[in-house]
Amino acid sequence: MSKDSGVVSHTVVRFGYWALAIGVTLCVLYCMYLLFVPLLASVLLTFVLDPVVDYFERRGLKRFWVIVGMYVFVVLAAAATVYFVLPRLVIEARTFAGDIPHYRAMIVRMLQTAQATIQDKFPQLPVPDLYQVLRARMPGAGTVDVDAFVAYTSSFFSILSVVVIVPIVTFFLLADGHLIRKALLRMVPNRYFEMFFLLFHKITSALKFFIRGQCIDALAVGVMTAVGLAAIQLPYAIVIGIIAGLGNLIPYLGPIIGFLPAFFVVLVSPEGLTMWMLAKVIGVFALVQFIEGTFIYPIAVGKSVDLHPLVVIIGITVGGQLGGILGMLIAIPVISVAKVSLEVLHSNLKSYSII
């Protein structure tokens, strides 16, 4: 074989290798794009559960059996929650279904009153039927066709796939996450190993503390809200508590998200909007926010995310514009990762005299 043919052969092999590598990388990225939500949920769960697994592993237990035991505990806890909470949720759902005609009639009366008031104030202004306008804009208005049924079915199976995929991916991330970290760090050149190791450690630590703290904070707010509203005998206390807990994951907007359904329940209650019941609801939310802001949040979250309130508000707004509720939820972790990355990179690149 001549020298020229050998060079051509090596060039062809090198081109084929890089083409295959790029193709595989694009396929992996496309699969990650399709599975973004379950992968993100798995990573978040890993950040929450990994410290617990490490704790028991340092005390001599096998990591695999710790993870298995944790899964068994989660299943039993979920079963106990369903056993004790589900009957109450079923009762609240039946009550809500029975009260729908009352709610509809009250909304119609409120809209008719508002329409009459507008017509009295502005007699020259054509005012449409507000109830019909609202009904036309409500989701599900009109008949349910085959396309809608297919869409709902597809959504159900998508949720089912997420429920199946997330525990499996989380299990392997918990079991082999340290191997993935070692493989990623092994690819870093020796000159920059310390910088990337510090960067990786700071990012994972910040995310672990923040996510774990937010979950504890949200759980506490949800439980306190449900107990407080049940104590003042407000209907649908558990549902409102769940909404308040989930809404608390969004900084600054959480109390508003939790208060709105409670205010709606007071507004459409058979007794009507009474200042005494409204004052009790406001008192419950004020007490919950006081306890959460004074005791729970500083201990659970603390300084894991040291961001200016203006940065938080702008980040939540931009995240909501780009990704809706999901964007609002991940805005603060993304900003925190960017902040930590810039701090570590600036410090180390300056020490290397690169910048």
Protein backbone atom coordinates (compact mmCIF):
# COMPACT_ATOMS: atom_id res chain seq x y z
CA MET A 1 0.00 0.00 0.00
CA SER A 2 1.37 3.37 -1.00
CA LYS A 3 1.84 6.23 1.44
CA ASP A 4 -0.84 8.33 -0.27
CA SER A 5 -3.42 5.55 -0.08
CA GLY A 6 -2.63 5.08 3.62
CA VAL A 7 -3.20 8.78 4.29
CA VAL A 8 -6.50 8.65 2.40
CA SER A 9 -7.52 5.55 4.34
CA HIS A 10 -6.74 7.21 7.67
CA THR A 11 -8.66 10.31 6.61
CA VAL A 12 -11.70 8.23 5.68
CA VAL A 13 -11.57 6.34 8.98
CA ARG A 14 -11.16 9.57 10.95
CA PHE A 15 -14.05 11.17 9.07
CA GLY A 16 -16.26 8.13 9.66
CA TYR A 17 -15.36 8.10 13.36
CA TRP A 18 -16.26 11.76 13.87
CA ALA A 19 -19.41 11.44 11.79
CA LEU A 20 -20.51 8.48 13.91
CA ALA A 21 -19.64 10.31 17.14
CA ILE A 22 -21.57 13.42 16.08
CA GLY A 23 -24.54 11.31 14.96
CA VAL A 24 -24.66 9.43 18.26
CA THR A 25 -24.36 12.71 20.19
CA LEU A 26 -27.23 14.26 18.23
CA CYS A 27 -29.38 11.18 18.84
CA VAL A 28 -28.64 11.31 22.57
CA LEU A 29 -29.45 15.02 22.70
CA TYR A 30 -32.70 14.43 20.81
CA CYS A 31 -33.70 11.65 23.21
CA MET A 32 -32.88 13.92 26.14
CA TYR A 33 -35.05 16.63 24.57
CA LEU A 34 -37.98 14.22 24.26
CA LEU A 35 -37.48 13.01 27.85
CA PHE A 36 -36.62 16.41 29.31
CA VAL A 37 -39.39 16.44 31.93
CA PRO A 38 -38.80 12.91 33.37
CA LEU A 39 -35.01 13.41 33.26
CA LEU A 40 -35.34 16.73 35.07
CA ALA A 41 -37.65 15.17 37.66
CA SER A 42 -35.18 12.29 38.14
CA VAL A 43 -32.26 14.66 38.64
CA LEU A 44 -34.24 16.71 41.17
CA LEU A 45 -35.23 13.57 43.10
CA THR A 46 -31.61 12.42 43.03
CA PHE A 47 -30.48 15.69 44.58
CA VAL A 48 -33.09 15.24 47.34
CA LEU A 49 -32.41 11.56 48.10
CA ASP A 50 -28.65 11.33 47.51
CA PRO A 51 -27.65 12.81 50.91
CA VAL A 52 -29.85 10.25 52.67
CA VAL A 53 -28.24 7.40 50.72
CA ASP A 54 -24.75 8.76 51.46
CA TYR A 55 -25.60 9.01 55.17
CA PHE A 56 -26.48 5.32 55.49
CA GLU A 57 -23.65 4.25 53.16
CA ARG A 58 -21.08 5.96 55.42
CA ARG A 59 -22.39 3.79 58.25
CA GLY A 60 -21.48 0.58 56.47
CA LEU A 61 -24.67 -0.28 54.59
CA LYS A 62 -24.57 -1.29 50.95
CA ARG A 63 -25.68 1.51 48.65
CA PHE A 64 -27.91 -0.79 46.59
CA TRP A 65 -29.86 -2.03 49.60
CA VAL A 66 -30.16 1.47 51.01
CA ILE A 67 -31.80 2.59 47.76
CA VAL A 68 -34.09 -0.45 47.73
CA GLY A 69 -35.09 0.20 51.33
CA MET A 70 -35.75 3.85 50.52
CA TYR A 71 -38.01 2.87 47.62
CA VAL A 72 -39.92 0.48 49.87
CA PHE A 73 -40.31 3.23 52.48
CA VAL A 74 -41.56 5.71 49.85
CA VAL A 75 -44.11 3.19 48.55
CA LEU A 76 -45.36 2.46 52.07
CA ALA A 77 -45.52 6.18 52.91
CA ALA A 78 -47.43 6.87 49.69
CA ALA A 79 -49.82 4.02 50.45
CA ALA A 80 -50.40 5.35 53.97
CA THR A 81 -50.98 8.86 52.62
CA VAL A 82 -53.48 7.55 50.09
CA TYR A 83 -55.21 5.48 52.78
CA PHE A 84 -55.63 8.39 55.17
CA VAL A 85 -55.92 11.37 52.79
CA LEU A 86 -57.70 9.92 49.76
CA PRO A 87 -61.07 9.39 51.53
CA ARG A 88 -61.07 13.04 52.57
CA LEU A 89 -60.20 14.10 49.01
CA VAL A 90 -63.04 11.94 47.66
CA ILE A 91 -65.47 13.58 50.09
CA GLU A 92 -64.29 17.03 49.02
CA ALA A 93 -64.58 16.07 45.34
CA ARG A 94 -68.14 14.83 45.83
CA THR A 95 -69.03 17.95 47.77
CA PHE A 96 -67.60 20.13 45.03
CA ALA A 97 -69.50 18.18 42.35
CA GLY A 98 -72.72 18.65 44.29
CA ASP A 99 -72.07 22.36 44.74
CA ILE A 100 -71.35 23.03 41.06
CA PRO A 101 -74.95 24.11 40.27
CA HIS A 102 -74.82 26.52 43.22
CA TYR A 103 -71.47 27.92 42.08
CA ARG A 104 -72.72 28.30 38.50
CA ALA A 105 -75.85 30.13 39.64
CA MET A 106 -73.83 32.44 41.88
CA ILE A 107 -71.37 33.23 39.10
CA VAL A 108 -74.28 33.97 36.75
CA ARG A 109 -75.81 36.34 39.30
CA MET A 110 -72.48 38.10 39.86
CA LEU A 111 -71.92 38.53 36.11
CA GLN A 112 -75.48 39.75 35.59
CA THR A 113 -75.03 42.30 38.39
CA ALA A 114 -71.73 43.45 36.90
CA GLN A 115 -73.32 43.69 33.43
CA ALA A 116 -76.26 45.74 34.76
CA THR A 117 -73.89 48.06 36.65
CA ILE A 118 -71.82 48.66 33.51
CA GLN A 119 -74.93 49.36 31.45
CA ASP A 120 -76.18 51.82 34.07
CA LYS A 121 -72.85 53.65 34.23
CA PHE A 122 -72.23 53.62 30.48
CA PRO A 123 -75.64 53.40 28.69
CA GLN A 124 -74.11 54.08 25.25
CA LEU A 125 -71.63 51.22 25.58
CA PRO A 126 -72.75 47.87 24.09
CA VAL A 127 -72.18 45.22 26.75
CA PRO A 128 -72.21 41.56 25.66
CA ASP A 129 -73.57 38.73 27.76
CA LEU A 130 -70.64 38.25 30.16
CA TYR A 131 -71.67 34.73 31.14
CA GLN A 132 -71.78 33.57 27.52
CA VAL A 133 -68.41 35.21 26.87
CA LEU A 134 -66.90 33.46 29.90
CA ARG A 135 -68.49 30.14 28.97
CA ALA A 136 -67.15 30.35 25.41
CA ARG A 137 -63.64 30.95 26.72
CA MET A 138 -63.71 28.14 29.26
CA PRO A 139 -61.70 25.04 28.31
CA GLY A 140 -63.90 22.17 27.28
CA ALA A 141 -66.71 24.38 26.04
CA GLY A 142 -68.74 22.73 23.34
CA THR A 143 -68.81 19.07 22.40
CA VAL A 144 -65.95 16.66 22.94
CA ASP A 145 -64.81 15.35 19.56
CA VAL A 146 -62.57 12.44 18.62
CA ASP A 147 -59.47 14.65 18.38
CA ALA A 148 -59.98 15.90 21.93
CA PHE A 149 -60.42 12.33 23.16
CA VAL A 150 -57.21 11.26 21.42
CA ALA A 151 -55.39 14.26 22.90
CA TYR A 152 -56.56 13.42 26.42
CA THR A 153 -55.62 9.77 25.94
CA SER A 154 -52.15 10.74 24.70
CA SER A 155 -51.71 13.02 27.71
CA PHE A 156 -52.69 10.19 30.04
CA PHE A 157 -50.15 7.81 28.54
CA SER A 158 -47.50 10.54 28.59
CA ILE A 159 -48.07 11.02 32.31
CA LEU A 160 -48.05 7.25 32.79
CA SER A 161 -44.69 6.98 30.99
CA VAL A 162 -43.27 9.71 33.22
CA VAL A 163 -44.49 7.85 36.31
CA VAL A 164 -42.73 4.70 35.10
CA ILE A 165 -39.52 6.32 33.80
CA VAL A 166 -38.76 8.65 36.72
CA PRO A 167 -38.33 5.95 39.42
CA ILE A 168 -36.14 3.84 37.10
CA VAL A 169 -33.86 6.72 36.07
CA THR A 170 -33.68 7.98 39.66
CA PHE A 171 -32.64 4.51 40.86
CA PHE A 172 -29.71 4.32 38.45
CA LEU A 173 -28.66 7.91 39.15
CA LEU A 174 -28.59 7.16 42.86
CA ALA A 175 -26.73 3.88 42.35
CA ASP A 176 -24.21 5.00 39.71
CA GLY A 177 -24.18 8.77 40.03
CA HIS A 178 -20.66 8.76 41.50
CA LEU A 179 -19.42 6.77 38.50
CA ILE A 180 -20.97 9.34 36.15
CA ARG A 181 -19.23 12.14 38.05
CA LYS A 182 -15.88 10.34 37.86
CA ALA A 183 -16.30 9.71 34.13
CA LEU A 184 -17.07 13.38 33.48
CA LEU A 185 -14.14 14.62 35.59
CA ARG A 186 -11.80 12.13 33.91
CA MET A 187 -12.38 13.93 30.62
CA VAL A 188 -11.07 17.22 32.03
CA PRO A 189 -7.38 18.09 31.32
CA ASN A 190 -5.12 17.91 34.38
CA ARG A 191 -4.39 21.63 34.24
CA TYR A 192 -8.05 22.52 34.79
CA PHE A 193 -9.03 19.54 36.94
CA GLU A 194 -9.06 21.47 40.22
CA MET A 195 -11.19 24.25 38.74
CA PHE A 196 -13.76 21.88 37.24
CA PHE A 197 -13.86 19.74 40.37
CA LEU A 198 -14.54 22.83 42.51
CA LEU A 199 -17.14 24.05 40.00
CA PHE A 200 -18.90 20.68 39.93
CA HIS A 201 -18.87 20.45 43.74
CA LYS A 202 -20.25 23.96 44.27
CA ILE A 203 -23.02 23.54 41.68
CA THR A 204 -24.20 20.17 43.01
CA SER A 205 -24.01 21.36 46.62
CA ALA A 206 -26.01 24.51 45.89
CA LEU A 207 -28.67 22.54 44.01
CA LYS A 208 -28.88 19.85 46.68
CA PHE A 209 -29.38 22.33 49.52
CA PHE A 210 -31.81 24.47 47.54
CA ILE A 211 -34.01 21.65 46.22
CA ARG A 212 -34.10 19.78 49.52
CA GLY A 213 -34.86 22.99 51.40
CA GLN A 214 -37.60 24.01 48.97
CA CYS A 215 -39.27 20.60 49.25
CA ILE A 216 -39.22 20.76 53.05
CA ASP A 217 -40.50 24.34 52.97
CA ALA A 218 -43.32 23.52 50.53
CA LEU A 219 -44.37 20.45 52.52
CA ALA A 220 -44.51 22.48 55.74
CA VAL A 221 -46.53 25.26 54.12
CA GLY A 222 -48.98 22.79 52.57
CA VAL A 223 -49.55 20.92 55.84
CA MET A 224 -49.89 24.10 57.94
CA THR A 225 -52.29 25.66 55.43
CA ALA A 226 -54.49 22.55 55.25
CA VAL A 227 -54.58 22.20 59.05
CA GLY A 228 -55.30 25.91 59.55
CA LEU A 229 -58.11 26.02 57.00
CA ALA A 230 -59.60 22.81 58.39
CA ALA A 231 -59.50 24.37 61.87
CA ILE A 232 -61.67 27.30 60.69
CA GLN A 233 -63.91 24.79 58.85
CA LEU A 234 -63.25 26.08 55.34
CA PRO A 235 -64.30 23.55 52.66
CA TYR A 236 -61.64 21.89 50.46
CA ALA A 237 -58.89 22.57 53.03
CA ILE A 238 -56.70 19.68 51.84
CA VAL A 239 -56.91 20.67 48.18
CA ILE A 240 -56.12 24.30 48.99
CA GLY A 241 -53.23 23.15 51.19
CA ILE A 242 -51.78 21.13 48.31
CA ILE A 243 -52.11 24.13 45.98
CA ALA A 244 -50.48 26.41 48.59
CA GLY A 245 -47.59 23.98 49.10
CA LEU A 246 -46.91 23.61 45.39
CA GLY A 247 -47.31 27.34 44.82
CA ASN A 248 -44.79 28.03 47.57
CA LEU A 249 -42.10 26.59 45.28
CA ILE A 250 -42.37 29.86 43.34
CA PRO A 251 -40.83 32.64 45.46
CA TYR A 252 -42.99 35.68 46.25
CA LEU A 253 -45.95 34.33 44.24
CA GLY A 254 -46.58 31.31 46.47
CA PRO A 255 -48.84 33.02 49.05
CA ILE A 256 -50.96 34.57 46.29
CA ILE A 257 -51.32 31.23 44.48
CA GLY A 258 -52.49 29.58 47.69
CA PHE A 259 -54.79 32.41 48.78
CA LEU A 260 -56.75 32.76 45.52
CA PRO A 261 -58.60 29.40 45.69
CA ALA A 262 -59.33 29.98 49.40
CA PHE A 263 -60.78 33.40 48.59
CA PHE A 264 -62.88 31.86 45.79
CA VAL A 265 -64.29 29.25 48.19
CA VAL A 266 -65.23 32.00 50.66
CA LEU A 267 -66.73 34.06 47.84
CA VAL A 268 -69.02 31.29 46.55
CA SER A 269 -69.88 29.75 49.91
CA PRO A 270 -73.62 29.39 50.67
CA GLU A 271 -73.31 32.06 53.38
CA GLY A 272 -71.80 34.46 50.86
CA LEU A 273 -68.75 36.62 51.35
CA THR A 274 -68.59 37.42 55.07
CA MET A 275 -65.86 39.60 56.51
CA TRP A 276 -65.45 37.30 59.51
CA MET A 277 -64.66 34.22 57.40
CA LEU A 278 -62.44 36.27 55.10
CA ALA A 279 -60.57 37.62 58.14
CA LYS A 280 -60.06 34.07 59.44
CA VAL A 281 -58.69 32.91 56.08
CA ILE A 282 -56.34 35.90 55.89
CA GLY A 283 -55.26 35.17 59.46
CA VAL A 284 -54.43 31.55 58.60
CA PHE A 285 -52.31 32.54 55.60
CA ALA A 286 -50.62 35.34 57.54
CA LEU A 287 -49.75 32.97 60.40
CA VAL A 288 -48.45 30.32 57.99
CA GLN A 289 -46.27 32.87 56.19
CA PHE A 290 -44.96 34.20 59.50
CA ILE A 291 -43.96 30.74 60.72
CA GLU A 292 -42.51 29.83 57.32
CA GLY A 293 -40.53 33.04 56.93
CA THR A 294 -39.30 33.20 60.53
CA PHE A 295 -38.45 29.58 61.33
CA ILE A 296 -38.78 27.12 58.44
CA TYR A 297 -37.28 28.95 55.45
CA PRO A 298 -34.10 30.16 57.22
CA ILE A 299 -33.39 26.63 58.48
CA ALA A 300 -34.46 24.65 55.40
CA VAL A 301 -33.18 26.91 52.62
CA GLY A 302 -31.04 29.50 54.39
CA LYS A 303 -28.24 30.95 52.32
CA SER A 304 -28.20 28.14 49.71
CA VAL A 305 -29.41 30.71 47.18
CA ASP A 306 -28.01 34.13 47.99
CA LEU A 307 -29.73 36.25 45.34
CA HIS A 308 -31.06 39.78 45.43
CA PRO A 309 -34.90 39.93 45.49
CA LEU A 310 -34.90 41.98 42.27
CA VAL A 311 -32.90 39.24 40.51
CA VAL A 312 -35.39 36.65 41.80
CA ILE A 313 -38.41 38.64 40.56
CA ILE A 314 -36.86 39.25 37.12
CA GLY A 315 -35.82 35.59 36.86
CA ILE A 316 -39.31 34.33 37.74
CA THR A 317 -40.90 36.73 35.23
CA VAL A 318 -38.56 35.74 32.40
CA GLY A 319 -38.89 32.04 33.28
CA GLY A 320 -42.67 32.32 33.18
CA GLN A 321 -42.56 34.02 29.77
CA LEU A 322 -40.24 31.36 28.34
CA GLY A 323 -41.48 28.18 29.97
CA GLY A 324 -44.71 28.85 31.84
CA ILE A 325 -45.00 27.30 35.30
CA LEU A 326 -42.04 24.99 34.69
CA GLY A 327 -39.93 27.97 33.71
CA MET A 328 -40.90 29.78 36.91
CA LEU A 329 -39.95 26.73 38.98
CA ILE A 330 -36.50 26.23 37.47
CA ALA A 331 -35.62 29.92 37.02
CA ILE A 332 -33.98 30.33 40.44
CA PRO A 333 -31.89 27.11 40.27
CA VAL A 334 -30.70 28.07 36.78
CA ILE A 335 -29.72 31.57 37.94
CA SER A 336 -27.97 30.08 40.98
CA VAL A 337 -25.96 27.68 38.80
CA ALA A 338 -24.99 30.54 36.49
CA LYS A 339 -23.95 32.69 39.48
CA VAL A 340 -21.82 29.94 41.05
CA SER A 341 -20.27 29.09 37.67
CA LEU A 342 -19.29 32.68 36.96
CA GLU A 343 -17.78 33.11 40.43
CA VAL A 344 -15.67 29.93 40.24
CA LEU A 345 -14.62 30.43 36.61
CA HIS A 346 -13.68 34.08 37.16
CA SER A 347 -11.59 33.26 40.23
CA ASN A 348 -9.75 30.30 38.70
CA LEU A 349 -9.26 31.70 35.20
CA LYS A 350 -7.80 34.81 36.80
CA SER A 351 -5.40 32.68 38.84
CA TYR A 352 -4.35 30.90 35.62
CA SER A 353 -3.71 34.34 34.05
CA ILE A 354 -6.18 33.53 31.27
CA ILE A 355 -8.31 36.61 31.95
